[in-house]
C-alpha cells in the first residue's frame, strides 16, 4: 500500500500534522499485513518535529524490527531522510537508556 505523504501537506512541519499522519498509519498497520510505502513525492520539507511525532513514536509503538519489516520509503529528499533517520535513532537510544 502506497501512502502519499503530500496528502498531509507539501511542507510537513508540525507535531499536529504528525499526529494526524501517525493515526492514519497506525490504522493501516493495525488492520492489514500489507507493507506501507511512504511516498514523499511533492513533499519539500520534513521537520524534526514531524519526523519524531510520526516515525520516532511509531518506533516506540511497534519496535524497530517490525517497523522496518512493514514499511519502506520512496521519493524522499536527502534532508527529509536525514530528519527521519535522526528521529528514529533518537527514540531507539532513549529506549535503550
PDB file of N, CA and C in Angstrom:
ATOM      1  N   UNK A   1       0.839  -1.174   0.000  1.00  0.00           N
ATOM      2  CA  UNK A   1       0.000   0.000   0.000  1.00  0.00           C
ATOM      3  C   UNK A   1       0.885   1.237   0.000  1.00  0.00           C
ATOM      4  N   UNK A   2       0.613   2.129  -0.916  1.00  0.00           N
ATOM      5  CA  UNK A   2       1.380   3.373  -1.030  1.00  0.00           C
ATOM      6  C   UNK A   2       0.646   4.481  -0.283  1.00  0.00           C
ATOM      7  N   UNK A   3       1.347   5.131   0.637  1.00  0.00           N
ATOM      8  CA  UNK A   3       0.786   6.277   1.351  1.00  0.00           C
ATOM      9  C   UNK A   3       1.470   7.528   0.823  1.00  0.00           C
ATOM     10  N   UNK A   4       0.695   8.356   0.146  1.00  0.00           N
ATOM     11  CA  UNK A   4       1.213   9.601  -0.404  1.00  0.00           C
ATOM     12  C   UNK A   4       1.296  10.623   0.731  1.00  0.00           C
ATOM     13  N   UNK A   5       2.497  10.925   1.152  1.00  0.00           N
ATOM     14  CA  UNK A   5       2.687  11.802   2.305  1.00  0.00           C
ATOM     15  C   UNK A   5       2.277  13.247   2.018  1.00  0.00           C
ATOM     16  N   UNK A   6       2.218  13.643   0.745  1.00  0.00           N
ATOM     17  CA  UNK A   6       1.798  15.023   0.447  1.00  0.00           C
ATOM     18  C   UNK A   6       0.318  15.246   0.764  1.00  0.00           C
ATOM     19  N   UNK A   7      -0.431  14.178   1.059  1.00  0.00           N
ATOM     20  CA  UNK A   7      -1.818  14.382   1.488  1.00  0.00           C
ATOM     21  C   UNK A   7      -1.882  15.157   2.809  1.00  0.00           C
ATOM     22  N   UNK A   8      -0.770  15.165   3.539  1.00  0.00           N
ATOM     23  CA  UNK A   8      -0.692  15.894   4.807  1.00  0.00           C
ATOM     24  C   UNK A   8      -0.084  17.282   4.614  1.00  0.00           C
ATOM     25  N   UNK A   9       0.405  17.564   3.409  1.00  0.00           N
ATOM     26  CA  UNK A   9       0.979  18.860   3.087  1.00  0.00           C
ATOM     27  C   UNK A   9       2.281  18.718   2.328  1.00  0.00           C
ATOM     28  N   UNK A  10       2.635  19.763   1.614  1.00  0.00           N
ATOM     29  CA  UNK A  10       3.902  19.775   0.874  1.00  0.00           C
ATOM     30  C   UNK A  10       5.078  20.065   1.813  1.00  0.00           C
ATOM     31  N   UNK A  11       4.759  20.712   2.916  1.00  0.00           N
ATOM     32  CA  UNK A  11       5.735  21.009   3.947  1.00  0.00           C
ATOM     33  C   UNK A  11       5.215  20.397   5.244  1.00  0.00           C
ATOM     34  N   UNK A  12       5.888  19.358   5.709  1.00  0.00           N
ATOM     35  CA  UNK A  12       5.447  18.622   6.900  1.00  0.00           C
ATOM     36  C   UNK A  12       6.261  19.117   8.087  1.00  0.00           C
ATOM     37  N   UNK A  13       5.657  20.056   8.829  1.00  0.00           N
ATOM     38  CA  UNK A  13       6.461  20.745   9.818  1.00  0.00           C
ATOM     39  C   UNK A  13       5.956  20.747  11.243  1.00  0.00           C
ATOM     40  N   UNK A  14       4.737  20.288  11.497  1.00  0.00           N
ATOM     41  CA  UNK A  14       4.220  20.428  12.859  1.00  0.00           C
ATOM     42  C   UNK A  14       3.905  19.073  13.494  1.00  0.00           C
ATOM     43  N   UNK A  15       3.901  19.069  14.804  1.00  0.00           N
ATOM     44  CA  UNK A  15       3.516  17.856  15.538  1.00  0.00           C
ATOM     45  C   UNK A  15       2.033  17.553  15.335  1.00  0.00           C
ATOM     46  N   UNK A  16       1.209  18.592  15.190  1.00  0.00           N
ATOM     47  CA  UNK A  16      -0.220  18.363  14.937  1.00  0.00           C
ATOM     48  C   UNK A  16      -0.417  17.592  13.630  1.00  0.00           C
ATOM     49  N   UNK A  17       0.268  18.003  12.597  1.00  0.00           N
ATOM     50  CA  UNK A  17       0.200  17.284  11.321  1.00  0.00           C
ATOM     51  C   UNK A  17       0.758  15.877  11.496  1.00  0.00           C
ATOM     52  N   UNK A  18       1.813  15.765  12.272  1.00  0.00           N
ATOM     53  CA  UNK A  18       2.404  14.455  12.549  1.00  0.00           C
ATOM     54  C   UNK A  18       1.440  13.522  13.256  1.00  0.00           C
ATOM     55  N   UNK A  19       0.688  14.051  14.221  1.00  0.00           N
ATOM     56  CA  UNK A  19      -0.293  13.216  14.929  1.00  0.00           C
ATOM     57  C   UNK A  19      -1.368  12.695  13.974  1.00  0.00           C
ATOM     58  N   UNK A  20      -1.804  13.543  13.057  1.00  0.00           N
ATOM     59  CA  UNK A  20      -2.791  13.129  12.064  1.00  0.00           C
ATOM     60  C   UNK A  20      -2.224  12.010  11.181  1.00  0.00           C
ATOM     61  N   UNK A  21      -1.012  12.212  10.686  1.00  0.00           N
ATOM     62  CA  UNK A  21      -0.374  11.198   9.842  1.00  0.00           C
ATOM     63  C   UNK A  21      -0.177   9.899  10.611  1.00  0.00           C
ATOM     64  N   UNK A  22       0.303  10.015  11.832  1.00  0.00           N
ATOM     65  CA  UNK A  22       0.570   8.815  12.636  1.00  0.00           C
ATOM     66  C   UNK A  22      -0.706   8.027  12.893  1.00  0.00           C
ATOM     67  N   UNK A  23      -1.810   8.705  13.162  1.00  0.00           N
ATOM     68  CA  UNK A  23      -3.060   7.988  13.432  1.00  0.00           C
ATOM     69  C   UNK A  23      -3.519   7.218  12.192  1.00  0.00           C
ATOM     70  N   UNK A  24      -3.343   7.796  11.005  1.00  0.00           N
ATOM     71  CA  UNK A  24      -3.707   7.092   9.771  1.00  0.00           C
ATOM     72  C   UNK A  24      -2.784   5.900   9.525  1.00  0.00           C
ATOM     73  N   UNK A  25      -1.512   6.068   9.819  1.00  0.00           N
ATOM     74  CA  UNK A  25      -0.553   4.979   9.640  1.00  0.00           C
ATOM     75  C   UNK A  25      -0.858   3.838  10.602  1.00  0.00           C
ATOM     76  N   UNK A  26      -1.150   4.158  11.856  1.00  0.00           N
ATOM     77  CA  UNK A  26      -1.481   3.133  12.847  1.00  0.00           C
ATOM     78  C   UNK A  26      -2.721   2.360  12.422  1.00  0.00           C
ATOM     79  N   UNK A  27      -3.705   3.063  11.906  1.00  0.00           N
ATOM     80  CA  UNK A  27      -4.925   2.402  11.438  1.00  0.00           C
ATOM     81  C   UNK A  27      -4.598   1.364  10.358  1.00  0.00           C
ATOM     82  N   UNK A  28      -3.714   1.730   9.451  1.00  0.00           N
ATOM     83  CA  UNK A  28      -3.315   0.796   8.391  1.00  0.00           C
ATOM     84  C   UNK A  28      -2.509  -0.365   8.967  1.00  0.00           C
ATOM     85  N   UNK A  29      -1.523  -0.063   9.796  1.00  0.00           N
ATOM     86  CA  UNK A  29      -0.680  -1.116  10.367  1.00  0.00           C
ATOM     87  C   UNK A  29      -1.487  -2.110  11.195  1.00  0.00           C
ATOM     88  N   UNK A  30      -2.486  -1.619  11.893  1.00  0.00           N
ATOM     89  CA  UNK A  30      -3.290  -2.484  12.757  1.00  0.00           C
ATOM     90  C   UNK A  30      -4.338  -3.293  11.996  1.00  0.00           C
ATOM     91  N   UNK A  31      -4.629  -2.904  10.760  1.00  0.00           N
ATOM     92  CA  UNK A  31      -5.713  -3.553  10.029  1.00  0.00           C
ATOM     93  C   UNK A  31      -5.293  -4.286   8.762  1.00  0.00           C
ATOM     94  N   UNK A  32      -4.017  -4.321   8.483  1.00  0.00           N
ATOM     95  CA  UNK A  32      -3.551  -5.038   7.298  1.00  0.00           C
ATOM     96  C   UNK A  32      -2.126  -5.528   7.514  1.00  0.00           C
ATOM     97  N   UNK A  33      -1.778  -6.562   6.804  1.00  0.00           N
ATOM     98  CA  UNK A  33      -0.410  -7.072   6.825  1.00  0.00           C
ATOM     99  C   UNK A  33       0.399  -6.500   5.659  1.00  0.00           C
ATOM    100  N   UNK A  34      -0.272  -5.733   4.809  1.00  0.00           N
ATOM    101  CA  UNK A  34       0.374  -5.184   3.629  1.00  0.00           C
ATOM    102  C   UNK A  34       1.461  -4.184   4.029  1.00  0.00           C
ATOM    103  N   UNK A  35       2.572  -4.208   3.305  1.00  0.00           N
ATOM    104  CA  UNK A  35       3.665  -3.280   3.563  1.00  0.00           C
ATOM    105  C   UNK A  35       3.248  -1.868   3.144  1.00  0.00           C
ATOM    106  N   UNK A  36       3.588  -0.880   3.961  1.00  0.00           N
ATOM    107  CA  UNK A  36       3.300   0.521   3.643  1.00  0.00           C
ATOM    108  C   UNK A  36       4.531   1.140   2.988  1.00  0.00           C
ATOM    109  N   UNK A  37       4.310   1.763   1.844  1.00  0.00           N
ATOM    110  CA  UNK A  37       5.357   2.509   1.153  1.00  0.00           C
ATOM    111  C   UNK A  37       5.059   3.991   1.376  1.00  0.00           C
ATOM    112  N   UNK A  38       5.910   4.651   2.152  1.00  0.00           N
ATOM    113  CA  UNK A  38       5.745   6.086   2.393  1.00  0.00           C
ATOM    114  C   UNK A  38       6.338   6.824   1.193  1.00  0.00           C
ATOM    115  N   UNK A  39       5.479   7.417   0.381  1.00  0.00           N
ATOM    116  CA  UNK A  39       5.908   8.107  -0.836  1.00  0.00           C
ATOM    117  C   UNK A  39       5.935   9.609  -0.566  1.00  0.00           C
ATOM    118  N   UNK A  40       7.130  10.185  -0.626  1.00  0.00           N
ATOM    119  CA  UNK A  40       7.321  11.601  -0.324  1.00  0.00           C
ATOM    120  C   UNK A  40       7.379  12.473  -1.581  1.00  0.00           C
ATOM    121  N   UNK A  41       6.822  11.982  -2.691  1.00  0.00           N
ATOM    122  CA  UNK A  41       6.725  12.814  -3.898  1.00  0.00           C
ATOM    123  C   UNK A  41       5.985  14.102  -3.550  1.00  0.00           C
ATOM    124  N   UNK A  42       6.497  15.216  -4.052  1.00  0.00           N
ATOM    125  CA  UNK A  42       5.882  16.544  -3.877  1.00  0.00           C
ATOM    126  C   UNK A  42       6.012  17.093  -2.454  1.00  0.00           C
ATOM    127  N   UNK A  43       6.719  16.406  -1.573  1.00  0.00           N
ATOM    128  CA  UNK A  43       6.976  16.937  -0.229  1.00  0.00           C
ATOM    129  C   UNK A  43       8.357  17.583  -0.254  1.00  0.00           C
ATOM    130  N   UNK A  44       8.404  18.860   0.076  1.00  0.00           N
ATOM    131  CA  UNK A  44       9.679  19.578   0.017  1.00  0.00           C
ATOM    132  C   UNK A  44      10.404  19.622   1.351  1.00  0.00           C
ATOM    133  N   UNK A  45       9.657  19.629   2.461  1.00  0.00           N
ATOM    134  CA  UNK A  45      10.264  19.779   3.780  1.00  0.00           C
ATOM    135  C   UNK A  45       9.630  18.808   4.771  1.00  0.00           C
ATOM    136  N   UNK A  46      10.484  18.185   5.576  1.00  0.00           N
ATOM    137  CA  UNK A  46      10.037  17.385   6.719  1.00  0.00           C
ATOM    138  C   UNK A  46      10.815  17.897   7.924  1.00  0.00           C
ATOM    139  N   UNK A  47      10.116  18.420   8.917  1.00  0.00           N
ATOM    140  CA  UNK A  47      10.794  18.967  10.093  1.00  0.00           C
ATOM    141  C   UNK A  47      11.147  17.861  11.075  1.00  0.00           C
ATOM    142  N   UNK A  48      12.038  18.194  11.989  1.00  0.00           N
ATOM    143  CA  UNK A  48      12.394  17.263  13.058  1.00  0.00           C
ATOM    144  C   UNK A  48      11.178  16.922  13.908  1.00  0.00           C
ATOM    145  N   UNK A  49      10.337  17.908  14.167  1.00  0.00           N
ATOM    146  CA  UNK A  49       9.138  17.684  14.990  1.00  0.00           C
ATOM    147  C   UNK A  49       8.188  16.692  14.330  1.00  0.00           C
ATOM    148  N   UNK A  50       7.920  16.881  13.046  1.00  0.00           N
ATOM    149  CA  UNK A  50       7.043  15.964  12.324  1.00  0.00           C
ATOM    150  C   UNK A  50       7.656  14.566  12.297  1.00  0.00           C
ATOM    151  N   UNK A  51       8.931  14.474  11.971  1.00  0.00           N
ATOM    152  CA  UNK A  51       9.606  13.175  11.884  1.00  0.00           C
ATOM    153  C   UNK A  51       9.545  12.429  13.211  1.00  0.00           C
ATOM    154  N   UNK A  52       9.766  13.131  14.309  1.00  0.00           N
ATOM    155  CA  UNK A  52       9.707  12.485  15.623  1.00  0.00           C
ATOM    156  C   UNK A  52       8.287  12.069  15.965  1.00  0.00           C
ATOM    157  N   UNK A  53       7.331  12.946  15.724  1.00  0.00           N
ATOM    158  CA  UNK A  53       5.933  12.655  16.065  1.00  0.00           C
ATOM    159  C   UNK A  53       5.422  11.432  15.312  1.00  0.00           C
ATOM    160  N   UNK A  54       5.824  11.284  14.069  1.00  0.00           N
ATOM    161  CA  UNK A  54       5.364  10.147  13.276  1.00  0.00           C
ATOM    162  C   UNK A  54       6.296   8.955  13.446  1.00  0.00           C
ATOM    163  N   UNK A  55       7.478   9.074  12.931  1.00  0.00           N
ATOM    164  CA  UNK A  55       8.355   7.913  12.804  1.00  0.00           C
ATOM    165  C   UNK A  55       9.059   7.550  14.110  1.00  0.00           C
ATOM    166  N   UNK A  56       9.465   8.546  14.874  1.00  0.00           N
ATOM    167  CA  UNK A  56      10.062   8.253  16.180  1.00  0.00           C
ATOM    168  C   UNK A  56       9.082   7.538  17.094  1.00  0.00           C
ATOM    169  N   UNK A  57       7.859   8.026  17.146  1.00  0.00           N
ATOM    170  CA  UNK A  57       6.856   7.425  18.032  1.00  0.00           C
ATOM    171  C   UNK A  57       6.336   6.087  17.500  1.00  0.00           C
ATOM    172  N   UNK A  58       6.326   5.903  16.181  1.00  0.00           N
ATOM    173  CA  UNK A  58       5.952   4.590  15.646  1.00  0.00           C
ATOM    174  C   UNK A  58       6.976   3.531  16.055  1.00  0.00           C
ATOM    175  N   UNK A  59       8.226   3.929  16.132  1.00  0.00           N
ATOM    176  CA  UNK A  59       9.277   3.006  16.589  1.00  0.00           C
ATOM    177  C   UNK A  59       8.994   2.577  18.023  1.00  0.00           C
ATOM    178  N   UNK A  60       8.569   3.508  18.867  1.00  0.00           N
ATOM    179  CA  UNK A  60       8.235   3.165  20.253  1.00  0.00           C
ATOM    180  C   UNK A  60       7.068   2.191  20.310  1.00  0.00           C
ATOM    181  N   UNK A  61       6.079   2.405  19.458  1.00  0.00           N
ATOM    182  CA  UNK A  61       4.862   1.599  19.497  1.00  0.00           C
ATOM    183  C   UNK A  61       5.038   0.208  18.896  1.00  0.00           C
ATOM    184  N   UNK A  62       5.781   0.128  17.790  1.00  0.00           N
ATOM    185  CA  UNK A  62       5.882  -1.144  17.070  1.00  0.00           C
ATOM    186  C   UNK A  62       7.246  -1.812  17.181  1.00  0.00           C
ATOM    187  N   UNK A  63       8.243  -1.073  17.631  1.00  0.00           N
ATOM    188  CA  UNK A  63       9.602  -1.600  17.663  1.00  0.00           C
ATOM    189  C   UNK A  63      10.261  -1.425  16.308  1.00  0.00           C
ATOM    190  N   UNK A  64      11.575  -1.300  16.327  1.00  0.00           N
ATOM    191  CA  UNK A  64      12.315  -1.026  15.099  1.00  0.00           C
ATOM    192  C   UNK A  64      12.190  -2.164  14.090  1.00  0.00           C
ATOM    193  N   UNK A  65      12.341  -3.402  14.547  1.00  0.00           N
ATOM    194  CA  UNK A  65      12.324  -4.527  13.618  1.00  0.00           C
ATOM    195  C   UNK A  65      10.996  -4.658  12.887  1.00  0.00           C
ATOM    196  N   UNK A  66       9.889  -4.562  13.619  1.00  0.00           N
ATOM    197  CA  UNK A  66       8.579  -4.661  12.972  1.00  0.00           C
ATOM    198  C   UNK A  66       8.357  -3.482  12.029  1.00  0.00           C
ATOM    199  N   UNK A  67       8.724  -2.278  12.475  1.00  0.00           N
ATOM    200  CA  UNK A  67       8.554  -1.095  11.633  1.00  0.00           C
ATOM    201  C   UNK A  67       9.338  -1.252  10.333  1.00  0.00           C
ATOM    202  N   UNK A  68      10.581  -1.701  10.451  1.00  0.00           N
ATOM    203  CA  UNK A  68      11.439  -1.873   9.271  1.00  0.00           C
ATOM    204  C   UNK A  68      10.871  -2.927   8.320  1.00  0.00           C
ATOM    205  N   UNK A  69      10.327  -3.986   8.864  1.00  0.00           N
ATOM    206  CA  UNK A  69       9.757  -5.062   8.050  1.00  0.00           C
ATOM    207  C   UNK A  69       8.492  -4.626   7.336  1.00  0.00           C
ATOM    208  N   UNK A  70       7.693  -3.784   7.985  1.00  0.00           N
ATOM    209  CA  UNK A  70       6.358  -3.458   7.465  1.00  0.00           C
ATOM    210  C   UNK A  70       6.282  -2.140   6.697  1.00  0.00           C
ATOM    211  N   UNK A  71       7.406  -1.411   6.594  1.00  0.00           N
ATOM    212  CA  UNK A  71       7.378  -0.114   5.916  1.00  0.00           C
ATOM    213  C   UNK A  71       8.609   0.081   5.046  1.00  0.00           C
ATOM    214  N   UNK A  72       8.490   1.008   4.112  1.00  0.00           N
ATOM    215  CA  UNK A  72       9.633   1.453   3.322  1.00  0.00           C
ATOM    216  C   UNK A  72       9.367   2.881   2.845  1.00  0.00           C
ATOM    217  N   UNK A  73      10.395   3.533   2.374  1.00  0.00           N
ATOM    218  CA  UNK A  73      10.305   4.930   1.942  1.00  0.00           C
ATOM    219  C   UNK A  73      10.699   5.044   0.475  1.00  0.00           C
ATOM    220  N   UNK A  74      10.039   5.959  -0.242  1.00  0.00           N
ATOM    221  CA  UNK A  74      10.409   6.220  -1.629  1.00  0.00           C
ATOM    222  C   UNK A  74      10.243   7.703  -1.941  1.00  0.00           C
ATOM    223  N   UNK A  75      10.972   8.149  -2.946  1.00  0.00           N
ATOM    224  CA  UNK A  75      10.888   9.537  -3.430  1.00  0.00           C
ATOM    225  C   UNK A  75      11.096  10.559  -2.320  1.00  0.00           C
ATOM    226  N   UNK A  76      12.056  10.283  -1.458  1.00  0.00           N
ATOM    227  CA  UNK A  76      12.309  11.157  -0.318  1.00  0.00           C
ATOM    228  C   UNK A  76      13.608  11.926  -0.549  1.00  0.00           C
ATOM    229  N   UNK A  77      13.572  13.221  -0.272  1.00  0.00           N
ATOM    230  CA  UNK A  77      14.798  14.003  -0.469  1.00  0.00           C
ATOM    231  C   UNK A  77      15.786  13.753   0.673  1.00  0.00           C
ATOM    232  N   UNK A  78      17.013  14.106   0.426  1.00  0.00           N
ATOM    233  CA  UNK A  78      18.109  13.823   1.366  1.00  0.00           C
ATOM    234  C   UNK A  78      17.849  14.428   2.749  1.00  0.00           C
ATOM    235  N   UNK A  79      17.405  15.679   2.798  1.00  0.00           N
ATOM    236  CA  UNK A  79      17.187  16.341   4.082  1.00  0.00           C
ATOM    237  C   UNK A  79      16.080  15.645   4.877  1.00  0.00           C
ATOM    238  N   UNK A  80      14.987  15.309   4.211  1.00  0.00           N
ATOM    239  CA  UNK A  80      13.883  14.623   4.885  1.00  0.00           C
ATOM    240  C   UNK A  80      14.339  13.266   5.415  1.00  0.00           C
ATOM    241  N   UNK A  81      15.113  12.557   4.617  1.00  0.00           N
ATOM    242  CA  UNK A  81      15.619  11.239   5.036  1.00  0.00           C
ATOM    243  C   UNK A  81      16.497  11.365   6.278  1.00  0.00           C
ATOM    244  N   UNK A  82      17.326  12.391   6.314  1.00  0.00           N
ATOM    245  CA  UNK A  82      18.194  12.614   7.476  1.00  0.00           C
ATOM    246  C   UNK A  82      17.354  12.914   8.716  1.00  0.00           C
ATOM    247  N   UNK A  83      16.331  13.760   8.593  1.00  0.00           N
ATOM    248  CA  UNK A  83      15.464  14.094   9.734  1.00  0.00           C
ATOM    249  C   UNK A  83      14.766  12.848  10.287  1.00  0.00           C
ATOM    250  N   UNK A  84      14.252  12.031   9.390  1.00  0.00           N
ATOM    251  CA  UNK A  84      13.546  10.820   9.818  1.00  0.00           C
ATOM    252  C   UNK A  84      14.511   9.835  10.456  1.00  0.00           C
ATOM    253  N   UNK A  85      15.676   9.657   9.856  1.00  0.00           N
ATOM    254  CA  UNK A  85      16.676   8.747  10.425  1.00  0.00           C
ATOM    255  C   UNK A  85      17.082   9.201  11.822  1.00  0.00           C
ATOM    256  N   UNK A  86      17.294  10.491  12.001  1.00  0.00           N
ATOM    257  CA  UNK A  86      17.694  11.028  13.308  1.00  0.00           C
ATOM    258  C   UNK A  86      16.585  10.829  14.349  1.00  0.00           C
ATOM    259  N   UNK A  87      15.332  11.057  13.957  1.00  0.00           N
ATOM    260  CA  UNK A  87      14.206  10.857  14.884  1.00  0.00           C
ATOM    261  C   UNK A  87      14.137   9.399  15.340  1.00  0.00           C
ATOM    262  N   UNK A  88      14.322   8.483  14.413  1.00  0.00           N
ATOM    263  CA  UNK A  88      14.298   7.055  14.752  1.00  0.00           C
ATOM    264  C   UNK A  88      15.463   6.696  15.664  1.00  0.00           C
ATOM    265  N   UNK A  89      16.657   7.156  15.315  1.00  0.00           N
ATOM    266  CA  UNK A  89      17.844   6.865  16.131  1.00  0.00           C
ATOM    267  C   UNK A  89      17.687   7.424  17.545  1.00  0.00           C
ATOM    268  N   UNK A  90      17.161   8.641  17.678  1.00  0.00           N
ATOM    269  CA  UNK A  90      16.979   9.248  18.994  1.00  0.00           C
ATOM    270  C   UNK A  90      16.000   8.447  19.850  1.00  0.00           C
ATOM    271  N   UNK A  91      14.913   7.973  19.265  1.00  0.00           N
ATOM    272  CA  UNK A  91      13.941   7.184  20.012  1.00  0.00           C
ATOM    273  C   UNK A  91      14.518   5.827  20.411  1.00  0.00           C
ATOM    274  N   UNK A  92      15.295   5.222  19.550  1.00  0.00           N
ATOM    275  CA  UNK A  92      15.934   3.948  19.881  1.00  0.00           C
ATOM    276  C   UNK A  92      16.904   4.134  21.046  1.00  0.00           C
ATOM    277  N   UNK A  93      17.696   5.198  20.998  1.00  0.00           N
ATOM    278  CA  UNK A  93      18.646   5.495  22.080  1.00  0.00           C
ATOM    279  C   UNK A  93      17.919   5.731  23.399  1.00  0.00           C
ATOM    280  N   UNK A  94      16.805   6.460  23.356  1.00  0.00           N
ATOM    281  CA  UNK A  94      16.045   6.769  24.573  1.00  0.00           C
ATOM    282  C   UNK A  94      15.500   5.503  25.220  1.00  0.00           C
ATOM    283  N   UNK A  95      15.099   4.548  24.424  1.00  0.00           N
ATOM    284  CA  UNK A  95      14.564   3.286  24.957  1.00  0.00           C
ATOM    285  C   UNK A  95      15.677   2.449  25.565  1.00  0.00           C
ATOM    286  N   UNK A  96      16.860   2.520  25.004  1.00  0.00           N
ATOM    287  CA  UNK A  96      17.980   1.709  25.465  1.00  0.00           C
ATOM    288  C   UNK A  96      18.570   2.206  26.775  1.00  0.00           C
ATOM    289  N   UNK A  97      18.335   3.455  27.121  1.00  0.00           N
ATOM    290  CA  UNK A  97      18.920   4.038  28.341  1.00  0.00           C
ATOM    291  C   UNK A  97      18.164   3.579  29.567  1.00  0.00           C
TER     292      UNK A  97
END
